[in-house]
C-alpha atoms as a PDB file:
ATOM      1  CA  UNK A   1     101.586 122.395  67.822  1.00  0.00           C
ATOM      2  CA  UNK A   2     102.208 121.908  71.524  1.00  0.00           C
ATOM      3  CA  UNK A   3     101.290 118.368  72.436  1.00  0.00           C
ATOM      4  CA  UNK A   4      98.959 117.687  69.501  1.00  0.00           C
ATOM      5  CA  UNK A   5      99.476 114.300  67.895  1.00  0.00           C
ATOM      6  CA  UNK A   6      99.801 114.967  64.177  1.00  0.00           C
ATOM      7  CA  UNK A   7     100.832 111.510  63.042  1.00  0.00           C
ATOM      8  CA  UNK A   8      99.080 108.778  61.106  1.00  0.00           C
ATOM      9  CA  UNK A   9      95.478 108.144  62.094  1.00  0.00           C
ATOM     10  CA  UNK A  10      95.507 110.969  64.650  1.00  0.00           C
ATOM     11  CA  UNK A  11      95.244 113.511  61.823  1.00  0.00           C
ATOM     12  CA  UNK A  12      92.264 111.720  60.306  1.00  0.00           C
ATOM     13  CA  UNK A  13      90.574 111.381  63.688  1.00  0.00           C
ATOM     14  CA  UNK A  14      91.104 115.062  64.481  1.00  0.00           C
ATOM     15  CA  UNK A  15      89.747 116.097  61.061  1.00  0.00           C
ATOM     16  CA  UNK A  16      86.649 113.921  61.474  1.00  0.00           C
ATOM     17  CA  UNK A  17      86.064 115.322  64.957  1.00  0.00           C
ATOM     18  CA  UNK A  18      86.422 118.873  63.633  1.00  0.00           C
ATOM     19  CA  UNK A  19      84.132 118.210  60.670  1.00  0.00           C
ATOM     20  CA  UNK A  20      81.496 116.690  62.942  1.00  0.00           C
ATOM     21  CA  UNK A  21      81.510 119.819  65.062  1.00  0.00           C
ATOM     22  CA  UNK A  22      81.219 122.160  62.038  1.00  0.00           C
ATOM     23  CA  UNK A  23      78.789 120.333  59.776  1.00  0.00           C
ATOM     24  CA  UNK A  24      75.065 120.088  60.370  1.00  0.00           C
ATOM     25  CA  UNK A  25      73.915 117.198  58.176  1.00  0.00           C
ATOM     26  CA  UNK A  26      76.315 114.376  59.059  1.00  0.00           C
ATOM     27  CA  UNK A  27      74.524 111.023  59.264  1.00  0.00           C
ATOM     28  CA  UNK A  28      75.835 108.611  61.920  1.00  0.00           C
ATOM     29  CA  UNK A  29      76.879 106.071  59.272  1.00  0.00           C
ATOM     30  CA  UNK A  30      78.679 108.554  57.003  1.00  0.00           C
ATOM     31  CA  UNK A  31      81.445 107.134  54.807  1.00  0.00           C
ATOM     32  CA  UNK A  32      84.088 109.838  55.147  1.00  0.00           C
ATOM     33  CA  UNK A  33      86.106 108.362  52.292  1.00  0.00           C
ATOM     34  CA  UNK A  34      83.399 109.058  49.722  1.00  0.00           C
ATOM     35  CA  UNK A  35      80.941 111.644  51.044  1.00  0.00           C
ATOM     36  CA  UNK A  36      81.085 115.087  49.480  1.00  0.00           C
ATOM     37  CA  UNK A  37      81.560 117.601  52.282  1.00  0.00           C
ATOM     38  CA  UNK A  38      79.056 120.050  50.739  1.00  0.00           C
ATOM     39  CA  UNK A  39      76.473 117.237  50.884  1.00  0.00           C
ATOM     40  CA  UNK A  40      76.829 117.091  54.686  1.00  0.00           C
ATOM     41  CA  UNK A  41      76.585 120.820  55.200  1.00  0.00           C
ATOM     42  CA  UNK A  42      79.881 122.443  54.254  1.00  0.00           C
ATOM     43  CA  UNK A  43      79.040 125.803  52.747  1.00  0.00           C
ATOM     44  CA  UNK A  44      81.132 128.927  52.277  1.00  0.00           C
ATOM     45  CA  UNK A  45      80.570 130.226  55.814  1.00  0.00           C
ATOM     46  CA  UNK A  46      81.255 126.902  57.524  1.00  0.00           C
ATOM     47  CA  UNK A  47      84.334 126.467  55.316  1.00  0.00           C
ATOM     48  CA  UNK A  48      85.744 129.750  56.627  1.00  0.00           C
ATOM     49  CA  UNK A  49      85.104 128.641  60.205  1.00  0.00           C
ATOM     50  CA  UNK A  50      86.614 125.243  59.429  1.00  0.00           C
ATOM     51  CA  UNK A  51      89.798 126.791  58.033  1.00  0.00           C
ATOM     52  CA  UNK A  52      90.220 128.940  61.127  1.00  0.00           C
ATOM     53  CA  UNK A  53      89.709 125.950  63.411  1.00  0.00           C
ATOM     54  CA  UNK A  54      92.122 123.772  61.426  1.00  0.00           C
ATOM     55  CA  UNK A  55      94.780 126.477  61.389  1.00  0.00           C
ATOM     56  CA  UNK A  56      94.528 126.834  65.162  1.00  0.00           C
ATOM     57  CA  UNK A  57      94.264 123.109  65.802  1.00  0.00           C
ATOM     58  CA  UNK A  58      97.193 122.039  63.638  1.00  0.00           C
ATOM     59  CA  UNK A  59      99.299 125.191  63.897  1.00  0.00           C
ATOM     60  CA  UNK A  60      99.326 125.704  60.124  1.00  0.00           C
ATOM     61  CA  UNK A  61      98.220 128.406  57.721  1.00  0.00           C
ATOM     62  CA  UNK A  62      96.334 127.612  54.537  1.00  0.00           C
ATOM     63  CA  UNK A  63      97.923 129.408  51.579  1.00  0.00           C
ATOM     64  CA  UNK A  64      95.611 130.914  48.972  1.00  0.00           C
ATOM     65  CA  UNK A  65      96.267 128.092  46.510  1.00  0.00           C
ATOM     66  CA  UNK A  66      94.688 125.577  48.928  1.00  0.00           C
ATOM     67  CA  UNK A  67      91.627 127.726  49.587  1.00  0.00           C
ATOM     68  CA  UNK A  68      89.778 126.220  46.644  1.00  0.00           C
ATOM     69  CA  UNK A  69      86.678 124.100  46.259  1.00  0.00           C
ATOM     70  CA  UNK A  70      88.694 120.958  45.482  1.00  0.00           C
ATOM     71  CA  UNK A  71      90.477 121.052  48.855  1.00  0.00           C
ATOM     72  CA  UNK A  72      87.140 121.024  50.673  1.00  0.00           C
ATOM     73  CA  UNK A  73      85.277 118.577  48.440  1.00  0.00           C
ATOM     74  CA  UNK A  74      86.068 115.372  50.364  1.00  0.00           C
ATOM     75  CA  UNK A  75      87.799 114.384  53.594  1.00  0.00           C
ATOM     76  CA  UNK A  76      90.717 112.756  51.709  1.00  0.00           C
ATOM     77  CA  UNK A  77      91.437 115.988  49.799  1.00  0.00           C
ATOM     78  CA  UNK A  78      91.239 118.042  52.988  1.00  0.00           C
ATOM     79  CA  UNK A  79      93.448 115.555  54.790  1.00  0.00           C
ATOM     80  CA  UNK A  80      96.012 115.659  51.969  1.00  0.00           C
ATOM     81  CA  UNK A  81      96.105 119.462  52.245  1.00  0.00           C
ATOM     82  CA  UNK A  82      96.598 119.380  56.025  1.00  0.00           C
ATOM     83  CA  UNK A  83      99.283 116.699  55.755  1.00  0.00           C
ATOM     84  CA  UNK A  84     101.103 118.737  53.110  1.00  0.00           C
ATOM     85  CA  UNK A  85     101.009 121.767  55.399  1.00  0.00           C
ATOM     86  CA  UNK A  86     102.451 119.627  58.173  1.00  0.00           C
ATOM     87  CA  UNK A  87     105.171 118.413  55.824  1.00  0.00           C
ATOM     88  CA  UNK A  88     103.911 114.837  55.611  1.00  0.00           C
ATOM     89  CA  UNK A  89     103.063 112.672  52.674  1.00  0.00           C
ATOM     90  CA  UNK A  90      99.346 112.323  52.051  1.00  0.00           C
END
């Protein structure tokens, strides 16, 4: 993870930045705590690209059991998955 801050709010900020670069329908006033990621443009193709980017960015690998719709439904569920892969509590 060479020099990447993976603590506290830095994870959330990095996820939001990554989502903003991958999703096409994000309104400027989006409430990341409640918006459904599919509602702001996450589809199956962008989810694949997102997984690849997150794996590279955080130095993790998503196991098959996390590659499910629920993981990618909301930012909090995605964040919990990334934190678990990093060995942190969500």
